[in-house]
Amino acid sequence: MAPDVLQDTLTFTAKLGSALTRYGAPAHRIEDVLHLLTKDLGVEGVFSATPSLLLMEFKGPNGNEVRIERVYSNDIDLTRLRRLDRLFNQVAAKTVSPGEGLKQLDEIINAPPPFRPWMDLLAFAATSASATPMFGGGLTDIALGFAAGAVVGVVAMVAPPRLRITMGGFAAALVVTLLASTMNSANLDAATLSGIIVLVPGFTLTLGVSELVTHNIAAGVSRLGAALVTALSLSFGVFFGRAAGNELVDLSAVVDSVPADPWVSWAMLPLAVITINILFRAPIRQWGWILLTSTLAFGSMKLSAHAMRPDLAVFIGGLVLGTCSNLYARLKDLPAAIPRMPGLLFLVPGSLSFLSIQAAMSGHAPEATVTAGQLTLVAISLVMGMVIAGSVVPPRKAL
């Protein structure tokens, strides 16, 4: 291999790995992609991926070359992930040279957002509103969830990254408390939790457990640590937002609202999938497949919950989600992550991590311990369901 071609190959591999890390691919998938790519291009490489750092060693006749890529942000973008998957396959098949691949890679990374800011803001609000019945909220609480989600969306757009989580939790709790004082009945916990649902680190938690299960210890521990810090920051913001609201208004006359009927959650499910697709930048042509996969996973979990324990029901949901995602990858020759990531939001136990920390901050240590135990069991059940699905129906793709 000519020296200039070799350098293009190494640079393309490093930038591809960095982009995959940034846009939501788990560590074991990234390592598989880079291993397959370098093998097809005739380069021997060793890779270690974490959410914030990618280590690469390339072995050659003239010695080894080590490259390090630092990843400063992690934003789920399924459209970019799909384009990266296509480019990876083209370069691996040698229909596109590594040099040309670098140009296309820059175009993918620098592409403008597919949706306007007002659509993102509306998606934040609608996602929270549609999640409210799923947390036991009533029909009036949907309006509270919508308002809280809208405020969180504004914070996500204007707040500094390091303060985004804490300020989002504070704003959501404050708005819910203030608006609840104008109503006869309200479920503050359901409305607040739905308002911050996009910020709750359930997805990060699930990815961390899956990376531990697949023996990516460094990546898994890193994600679990990030999930813990996020949950702590979010709980801190909610705690003080609720306290500030209680100082401003009197909630003594507000009674608990009646939970909405189960059919309301099902009616809101399509709206939730659409808004999550916007937030996750899912390819528009794949929205129908995502809705089908999410409905099957959510439905199987809900139906199973009538006959078995909640942790086992989550296992069934994870098994169905993993199987459907892998079948999708086989049928469409696209990354299984496209339907899997949105579907995970309906199954992930992130709310349990938030509730556990909230109970600890409120001085309810026994309740916090029980919730943390439930969180661990549910997370492992979900991941094992997807791992078994991958063994039964392999996706035939690295992503």
Protein backbone atom coordinates (compact mmCIF):
# COMPACT_ATOMS: atom_id res chain seq x y z
CA MET A 1 0.00 0.00 0.00
CA ALA A 2 1.35 3.42 -0.98
CA PRO A 3 2.30 5.69 1.96
CA ASP A 4 -0.28 8.37 1.06
CA VAL A 5 -3.05 5.77 0.70
CA LEU A 6 -2.05 4.23 4.03
CA GLN A 7 -2.27 7.60 5.78
CA ASP A 8 -5.67 8.28 4.22
CA THR A 9 -6.80 4.85 5.42
CA LEU A 10 -5.64 5.46 8.99
CA THR A 11 -7.07 8.97 9.10
CA PHE A 12 -10.42 7.83 7.71
CA THR A 13 -10.59 4.98 10.24
CA ALA A 14 -9.83 7.34 13.13
CA LYS A 15 -12.37 9.98 12.05
CA LEU A 16 -15.03 7.35 11.37
CA GLY A 17 -14.58 5.89 14.85
CA SER A 18 -14.79 9.35 16.40
CA ALA A 19 -18.00 10.15 14.48
CA LEU A 20 -19.62 6.83 15.44
CA THR A 21 -18.78 7.48 19.08
CA ARG A 22 -20.23 10.98 18.90
CA TYR A 23 -23.52 9.94 17.28
CA GLY A 24 -24.57 7.19 19.66
CA ALA A 25 -22.97 3.88 18.65
CA PRO A 26 -21.98 1.65 21.62
CA ALA A 27 -18.33 0.76 22.18
CA HIS A 28 -18.48 -2.87 21.03
CA ARG A 29 -20.22 -1.88 17.78
CA ILE A 30 -17.59 0.78 17.06
CA GLU A 31 -14.76 -1.67 17.62
CA ASP A 32 -16.44 -4.21 15.32
CA VAL A 33 -16.85 -1.62 12.55
CA LEU A 34 -13.25 -0.45 12.72
CA HIS A 35 -11.92 -4.00 12.86
CA LEU A 36 -13.91 -5.04 9.77
CA LEU A 37 -12.92 -1.88 7.91
CA THR A 38 -9.19 -2.22 8.48
CA LYS A 39 -9.28 -5.94 7.75
CA ASP A 40 -10.95 -5.34 4.38
CA LEU A 41 -8.44 -2.58 3.55
CA GLY A 42 -5.44 -4.73 4.44
CA VAL A 43 -4.44 -2.96 7.67
CA GLU A 44 -4.05 -4.63 11.04
CA GLY A 45 -5.53 -2.56 13.85
CA VAL A 46 -6.36 -2.85 17.54
CA PHE A 47 -9.12 -0.63 18.95
CA SER A 48 -10.48 0.38 22.33
CA ALA A 49 -13.52 2.66 22.43
CA THR A 50 -15.06 4.59 25.31
CA PRO A 51 -17.72 7.33 25.21
CA SER A 52 -15.07 10.05 25.38
CA LEU A 53 -11.86 8.48 24.02
CA LEU A 54 -10.94 6.22 21.11
CA LEU A 55 -7.55 4.46 21.20
CA MET A 56 -6.17 2.90 18.01
CA GLU A 57 -2.96 1.05 17.23
CA PHE A 58 -2.14 0.23 13.60
CA LYS A 59 0.53 -2.39 12.91
CA GLY A 60 2.64 -2.09 9.79
CA PRO A 61 5.94 -3.32 8.30
CA ASN A 62 7.69 -0.09 9.33
CA GLY A 63 6.46 -0.16 12.92
CA ASN A 64 3.28 0.60 14.80
CA GLU A 65 1.33 3.87 14.75
CA VAL A 66 -0.88 4.92 17.65
CA ARG A 67 -3.75 7.39 17.24
CA ILE A 68 -6.03 8.90 19.85
CA GLU A 69 -9.36 10.59 19.13
CA ARG A 70 -10.94 12.67 21.88
CA VAL A 71 -14.76 12.87 21.75
CA TYR A 72 -16.20 15.95 23.44
CA SER A 73 -19.91 15.44 22.85
CA ASN A 74 -22.32 12.54 22.49
CA ASP A 75 -25.47 13.36 20.52
CA ILE A 76 -27.73 10.68 19.10
CA ASP A 77 -28.20 11.33 15.39
CA LEU A 78 -29.64 8.35 13.54
CA THR A 79 -29.58 10.03 10.12
CA ARG A 80 -25.84 10.65 10.37
CA LEU A 81 -25.39 7.13 11.75
CA ARG A 82 -27.14 5.70 8.68
CA ARG A 83 -24.96 7.77 6.34
CA LEU A 84 -21.82 6.71 8.21
CA ASP A 85 -22.86 3.06 7.89
CA ARG A 86 -23.31 3.44 4.12
CA LEU A 87 -19.95 5.20 3.75
CA PHE A 88 -18.21 2.56 5.85
CA ASN A 89 -19.55 -0.20 3.62
CA GLN A 90 -18.53 1.65 0.45
CA VAL A 91 -14.97 2.20 1.66
CA ALA A 92 -14.70 -1.38 2.95
CA ALA A 93 -15.92 -2.66 -0.45
CA LYS A 94 -13.34 -0.37 -2.15
CA THR A 95 -15.96 1.36 -4.27
CA VAL A 96 -14.94 4.60 -2.53
CA SER A 97 -11.30 5.36 -1.75
CA PRO A 98 -10.27 6.36 1.79
CA GLY A 99 -9.30 9.81 0.46
CA GLU A 100 -12.73 10.36 -1.07
CA GLY A 101 -14.25 8.84 2.07
CA LEU A 102 -12.62 11.57 4.13
CA LYS A 103 -14.33 14.24 2.04
CA GLN A 104 -17.71 12.56 2.37
CA LEU A 105 -17.12 12.07 6.09
CA ASP A 106 -16.60 15.80 6.56
CA GLU A 107 -19.81 16.47 4.61
CA ILE A 108 -21.74 14.14 6.92
CA ILE A 109 -20.33 15.70 10.09
CA ASN A 110 -20.88 19.27 8.89
CA ALA A 111 -24.35 18.68 7.43
CA PRO A 112 -27.01 21.13 8.74
CA PRO A 113 -29.62 19.86 11.24
CA PRO A 114 -32.58 18.20 9.49
CA PHE A 115 -35.17 19.98 11.63
CA ARG A 116 -35.67 23.62 12.55
CA PRO A 117 -35.28 24.78 16.18
CA TRP A 118 -39.02 25.31 16.63
CA MET A 119 -39.60 21.66 15.69
CA ASP A 120 -37.11 20.56 18.33
CA LEU A 121 -38.87 22.72 20.91
CA LEU A 122 -42.25 21.28 19.97
CA ALA A 123 -40.78 17.76 20.09
CA PHE A 124 -39.52 18.31 23.65
CA ALA A 125 -42.97 19.48 24.76
CA ALA A 126 -44.94 16.78 22.91
CA THR A 127 -42.63 13.99 24.12
CA SER A 128 -43.22 15.03 27.72
CA ALA A 129 -46.98 15.37 27.21
CA SER A 130 -47.26 11.91 25.64
CA ALA A 131 -45.16 10.36 28.43
CA THR A 132 -47.32 11.75 31.25
CA PRO A 133 -50.01 9.00 31.15
CA MET A 134 -47.26 6.35 31.09
CA PHE A 135 -46.10 7.59 34.51
CA GLY A 136 -49.59 7.53 36.02
CA GLY A 137 -50.60 11.09 35.28
CA GLY A 138 -54.15 12.16 34.54
CA LEU A 139 -55.57 14.05 31.61
CA THR A 140 -54.98 17.44 33.25
CA ASP A 141 -51.38 16.46 33.97
CA ILE A 142 -50.72 16.18 30.24
CA ALA A 143 -50.86 19.97 30.02
CA LEU A 144 -48.37 20.24 32.90
CA GLY A 145 -46.05 17.77 31.18
CA PHE A 146 -46.31 19.72 27.93
CA ALA A 147 -45.37 22.98 29.66
CA ALA A 148 -42.48 21.36 31.54
CA GLY A 149 -41.16 19.75 28.36
CA ALA A 150 -41.32 23.07 26.52
CA VAL A 151 -39.31 24.79 29.24
CA VAL A 152 -36.74 21.98 29.20
CA GLY A 153 -36.49 22.41 25.43
CA VAL A 154 -35.74 26.12 25.83
CA VAL A 155 -33.09 25.35 28.46
CA ALA A 156 -31.52 22.73 26.18
CA MET A 157 -31.16 25.32 23.43
CA VAL A 158 -29.78 28.26 25.43
CA ALA A 159 -28.10 26.90 28.57
CA PRO A 160 -24.36 26.08 28.72
CA PRO A 161 -23.78 22.33 28.28
CA ARG A 162 -22.45 21.84 31.82
CA LEU A 163 -25.56 23.43 33.37
CA ARG A 164 -28.14 22.05 30.94
CA ILE A 165 -29.20 19.05 33.06
CA THR A 166 -29.44 20.88 36.39
CA MET A 167 -31.18 23.93 34.91
CA GLY A 168 -33.57 21.70 32.98
CA GLY A 169 -34.61 19.84 36.12
CA PHE A 170 -35.00 23.08 38.08
CA ALA A 171 -37.10 24.76 35.37
CA ALA A 172 -39.36 21.73 34.87
CA ALA A 173 -40.06 21.30 38.59
CA LEU A 174 -40.65 25.03 39.11
CA VAL A 175 -43.07 25.34 36.17
CA VAL A 176 -45.04 22.24 37.20
CA THR A 177 -45.36 23.49 40.78
CA LEU A 178 -46.47 26.98 39.75
CA LEU A 179 -49.02 25.74 37.21
CA ALA A 180 -50.34 23.02 39.53
CA SER A 181 -51.40 25.71 42.00
CA THR A 182 -53.97 26.92 39.45
CA MET A 183 -55.60 23.47 39.18
CA ASN A 184 -57.92 21.53 41.44
CA SER A 185 -56.01 18.27 41.03
CA ALA A 186 -52.54 17.35 39.80
CA ASN A 187 -49.89 14.65 39.98
CA LEU A 188 -46.71 16.66 40.44
CA ASP A 189 -44.39 13.67 40.34
CA ALA A 190 -45.80 12.32 37.06
CA ALA A 191 -45.81 15.74 35.38
CA THR A 192 -42.27 16.56 36.53
CA LEU A 193 -40.87 13.17 35.54
CA SER A 194 -42.49 13.39 32.11
CA GLY A 195 -41.15 16.92 31.70
CA ILE A 196 -37.55 15.78 32.25
CA ILE A 197 -37.90 12.41 30.52
CA VAL A 198 -35.56 13.43 27.69
CA LEU A 199 -32.89 14.35 30.26
CA VAL A 200 -33.20 11.19 32.37
CA PRO A 201 -30.10 9.02 31.72
CA GLY A 202 -31.93 5.76 31.07
CA PHE A 203 -30.42 5.33 27.61
CA THR A 204 -26.90 5.95 28.91
CA LEU A 205 -27.52 3.53 31.76
CA THR A 206 -28.72 0.78 29.43
CA LEU A 207 -25.78 1.26 27.06
CA GLY A 208 -23.40 1.08 30.01
CA VAL A 209 -24.84 -2.22 31.21
CA SER A 210 -24.77 -3.65 27.68
CA GLU A 211 -21.11 -2.69 27.32
CA LEU A 212 -20.28 -4.39 30.60
CA VAL A 213 -22.12 -7.51 29.45
CA THR A 214 -20.09 -7.52 26.21
CA HIS A 215 -16.85 -7.15 28.26
CA ASN A 216 -16.17 -3.53 27.31
CA ILE A 217 -15.38 -2.71 30.92
CA ALA A 218 -13.85 0.75 30.49
CA ALA A 219 -16.70 1.98 28.28
CA GLY A 220 -19.37 0.45 30.52
CA VAL A 221 -17.97 1.92 33.74
CA SER A 222 -17.57 5.29 32.03
CA ARG A 223 -21.20 5.35 30.88
CA LEU A 224 -22.51 4.21 34.26
CA GLY A 225 -20.52 6.98 35.91
CA ALA A 226 -21.93 9.51 33.45
CA ALA A 227 -25.45 8.22 34.11
CA LEU A 228 -24.96 8.58 37.87
CA VAL A 229 -23.67 12.16 37.58
CA THR A 230 -26.54 13.07 35.25
CA ALA A 231 -29.12 11.60 37.62
CA LEU A 232 -27.56 13.43 40.58
CA SER A 233 -27.49 16.75 38.71
CA LEU A 234 -31.06 16.29 37.52
CA SER A 235 -32.31 15.38 40.99
CA PHE A 236 -30.52 18.39 42.47
CA GLY A 237 -32.25 20.70 40.00
CA VAL A 238 -35.69 19.15 40.56
CA PHE A 239 -35.28 19.25 44.33
CA PHE A 240 -34.55 22.96 44.37
CA GLY A 241 -37.10 23.74 41.66
CA ARG A 242 -39.82 22.08 43.73
CA ALA A 243 -38.63 23.86 46.88
CA ALA A 244 -38.63 27.24 45.13
CA GLY A 245 -42.12 26.63 43.79
CA ASN A 246 -43.46 25.68 47.22
CA GLU A 247 -42.16 28.98 48.58
CA LEU A 248 -44.03 30.93 45.93
CA VAL A 249 -47.40 29.16 45.85
CA ASP A 250 -49.67 27.18 48.17
CA LEU A 251 -50.48 23.64 47.05
CA SER A 252 -52.49 22.63 50.13
CA ALA A 253 -55.78 22.76 48.20
CA VAL A 254 -54.49 20.66 45.27
CA VAL A 255 -55.48 17.00 45.46
CA ASP A 256 -53.94 14.08 43.58
CA SER A 257 -55.34 13.62 40.09
CA VAL A 258 -56.91 10.40 38.87
CA PRO A 259 -54.59 8.41 36.57
CA ALA A 260 -55.64 8.32 32.93
CA ASP A 261 -57.17 5.16 31.49
CA PRO A 262 -54.70 2.68 29.92
CA TRP A 263 -55.98 3.44 26.41
CA VAL A 264 -54.62 7.01 26.73
CA SER A 265 -51.04 5.70 26.85
CA TRP A 266 -51.65 3.69 23.69
CA ALA A 267 -53.28 6.66 21.97
CA MET A 268 -50.27 8.84 22.81
CA LEU A 269 -47.71 6.26 21.67
CA PRO A 270 -47.60 7.29 17.97
CA LEU A 271 -47.09 10.93 18.96
CA ALA A 272 -44.29 9.93 21.33
CA VAL A 273 -42.54 7.94 18.60
CA ILE A 274 -42.76 10.83 16.12
CA THR A 275 -41.36 13.36 18.57
CA ILE A 276 -38.58 11.02 19.67
CA ASN A 277 -37.71 10.49 16.02
CA ILE A 278 -37.27 14.25 15.70
CA LEU A 279 -35.06 14.46 18.78
CA PHE A 280 -32.99 11.46 17.68
CA ARG A 281 -32.76 12.77 14.09
CA ALA A 282 -34.15 9.50 12.70
CA PRO A 283 -34.40 9.19 8.89
CA ILE A 284 -37.95 10.18 7.93
CA ARG A 285 -38.38 7.21 5.59
CA GLN A 286 -37.77 4.85 8.52
CA TRP A 287 -40.35 6.36 10.87
CA GLY A 288 -42.92 3.69 10.04
CA TRP A 289 -40.50 0.89 10.92
CA ILE A 290 -39.56 2.66 14.15
CA LEU A 291 -43.23 3.01 15.11
CA LEU A 292 -43.85 -0.68 14.41
CA THR A 293 -40.82 -1.80 16.42
CA SER A 294 -41.57 0.52 19.35
CA THR A 295 -45.22 -0.55 19.45
CA LEU A 296 -44.33 -4.25 19.48
CA ALA A 297 -41.71 -3.78 22.21
CA PHE A 298 -43.91 -1.54 24.38
CA GLY A 299 -46.96 -3.74 23.84
CA SER A 300 -45.13 -6.97 24.67
CA MET A 301 -43.82 -5.43 27.89
CA LYS A 302 -47.25 -4.13 28.94
CA LEU A 303 -49.01 -7.41 28.14
CA SER A 304 -46.33 -9.47 29.88
CA ALA A 305 -46.67 -7.32 33.00
CA HIS A 306 -50.15 -8.82 33.53
CA ALA A 307 -48.71 -12.31 33.88
CA MET A 308 -45.21 -11.84 35.37
CA ARG A 309 -43.01 -9.61 37.48
CA PRO A 310 -42.05 -6.18 36.06
CA ASP A 311 -38.38 -7.11 35.60
CA LEU A 312 -39.34 -10.19 33.59
CA ALA A 313 -41.77 -8.11 31.54
CA VAL A 314 -38.92 -5.75 30.69
CA PHE A 315 -36.87 -8.78 29.63
CA ILE A 316 -39.65 -9.74 27.20
CA GLY A 317 -39.76 -6.17 25.90
CA GLY A 318 -36.00 -6.16 25.35
CA LEU A 319 -36.15 -9.53 23.62
CA VAL A 320 -38.87 -8.31 21.23
CA LEU A 321 -37.07 -5.02 20.61
CA GLY A 322 -33.77 -6.74 19.87
CA THR A 323 -35.37 -9.32 17.59
CA CYS A 324 -37.36 -6.74 15.62
CA SER A 325 -34.33 -4.44 15.27
CA ASN A 326 -32.13 -7.25 13.99
CA LEU A 327 -34.80 -8.41 11.55
CA TYR A 328 -35.03 -4.81 10.34
CA ALA A 329 -31.26 -4.73 9.79
CA ARG A 330 -31.45 -7.94 7.76
CA LEU A 331 -34.42 -6.77 5.69
CA LYS A 332 -33.36 -3.17 5.04
CA ASP A 333 -29.55 -3.54 5.18
CA LEU A 334 -29.48 -0.58 7.56
CA PRO A 335 -28.16 -0.25 11.13
CA ALA A 336 -30.24 -2.05 13.74
CA ALA A 337 -29.71 1.03 15.92
CA ILE A 338 -32.25 3.03 13.87
CA PRO A 339 -35.35 1.31 15.35
CA ARG A 340 -33.59 0.08 18.49
CA MET A 341 -32.58 3.44 20.01
CA PRO A 342 -36.05 5.09 19.90
CA GLY A 343 -37.65 1.85 21.09
CA LEU A 344 -35.33 1.73 24.08
CA LEU A 345 -36.84 4.91 25.50
CA PHE A 346 -40.10 3.05 26.14
CA LEU A 347 -38.30 0.31 28.07
CA VAL A 348 -35.28 1.87 29.78
CA PRO A 349 -35.30 2.11 33.59
CA GLY A 350 -33.97 5.67 33.74
CA SER A 351 -36.95 6.88 35.76
CA LEU A 352 -35.98 4.41 38.50
CA SER A 353 -32.50 5.91 38.81
CA PHE A 354 -34.04 9.37 39.15
CA LEU A 355 -36.63 8.19 41.70
CA SER A 356 -33.96 6.38 43.72
CA ILE A 357 -31.80 9.49 44.05
CA GLN A 358 -34.85 11.66 44.74
CA ALA A 359 -35.83 9.35 47.61
CA ALA A 360 -32.29 9.50 49.03
CA MET A 361 -32.23 13.32 48.84
CA SER A 362 -35.60 13.45 50.62
CA GLY A 363 -34.27 11.34 53.49
CA HIS A 364 -36.11 8.12 52.55
CA ALA A 365 -33.10 5.80 52.60
CA PRO A 366 -35.03 2.46 52.66
CA GLU A 367 -37.16 3.51 49.67
CA ALA A 368 -34.04 4.66 47.80
CA THR A 369 -32.32 1.32 48.43
CA VAL A 370 -35.31 -0.69 47.21
CA THR A 371 -35.65 1.45 44.08
CA ALA A 372 -31.92 1.15 43.32
CA GLY A 373 -32.21 -2.63 43.59
CA GLN A 374 -35.17 -2.62 41.20
CA LEU A 375 -33.22 -0.40 38.83
CA THR A 376 -30.28 -2.84 38.70
CA LEU A 377 -32.50 -5.86 38.12
CA VAL A 378 -34.60 -4.15 35.44
CA ALA A 379 -31.54 -2.83 33.58
CA ILE A 380 -29.90 -6.26 33.51
CA SER A 381 -33.17 -7.89 32.40
CA LEU A 382 -33.53 -5.43 29.53
CA VAL A 383 -29.95 -5.87 28.33
CA MET A 384 -30.07 -9.66 28.58
CA GLY A 385 -33.24 -9.67 26.49
CA MET A 386 -31.44 -7.77 23.72
CA VAL A 387 -28.29 -9.89 24.04
CA ILE A 388 -30.30 -13.11 23.66
CA ALA A 389 -32.15 -11.58 20.70
CA GLY A 390 -28.79 -10.89 19.05
CA SER A 391 -27.80 -14.54 19.48
CA VAL A 392 -31.10 -15.89 18.13
CA VAL A 393 -31.42 -13.41 15.23
CA PRO A 394 -28.03 -11.87 14.39
CA PRO A 395 -28.37 -8.52 12.54
CA ARG A 396 -25.65 -9.40 9.97
CA LYS A 397 -24.29 -5.85 10.41
CA ALA A 398 -21.63 -4.35 12.62
CA LEU A 399 -23.87 -1.41 13.59
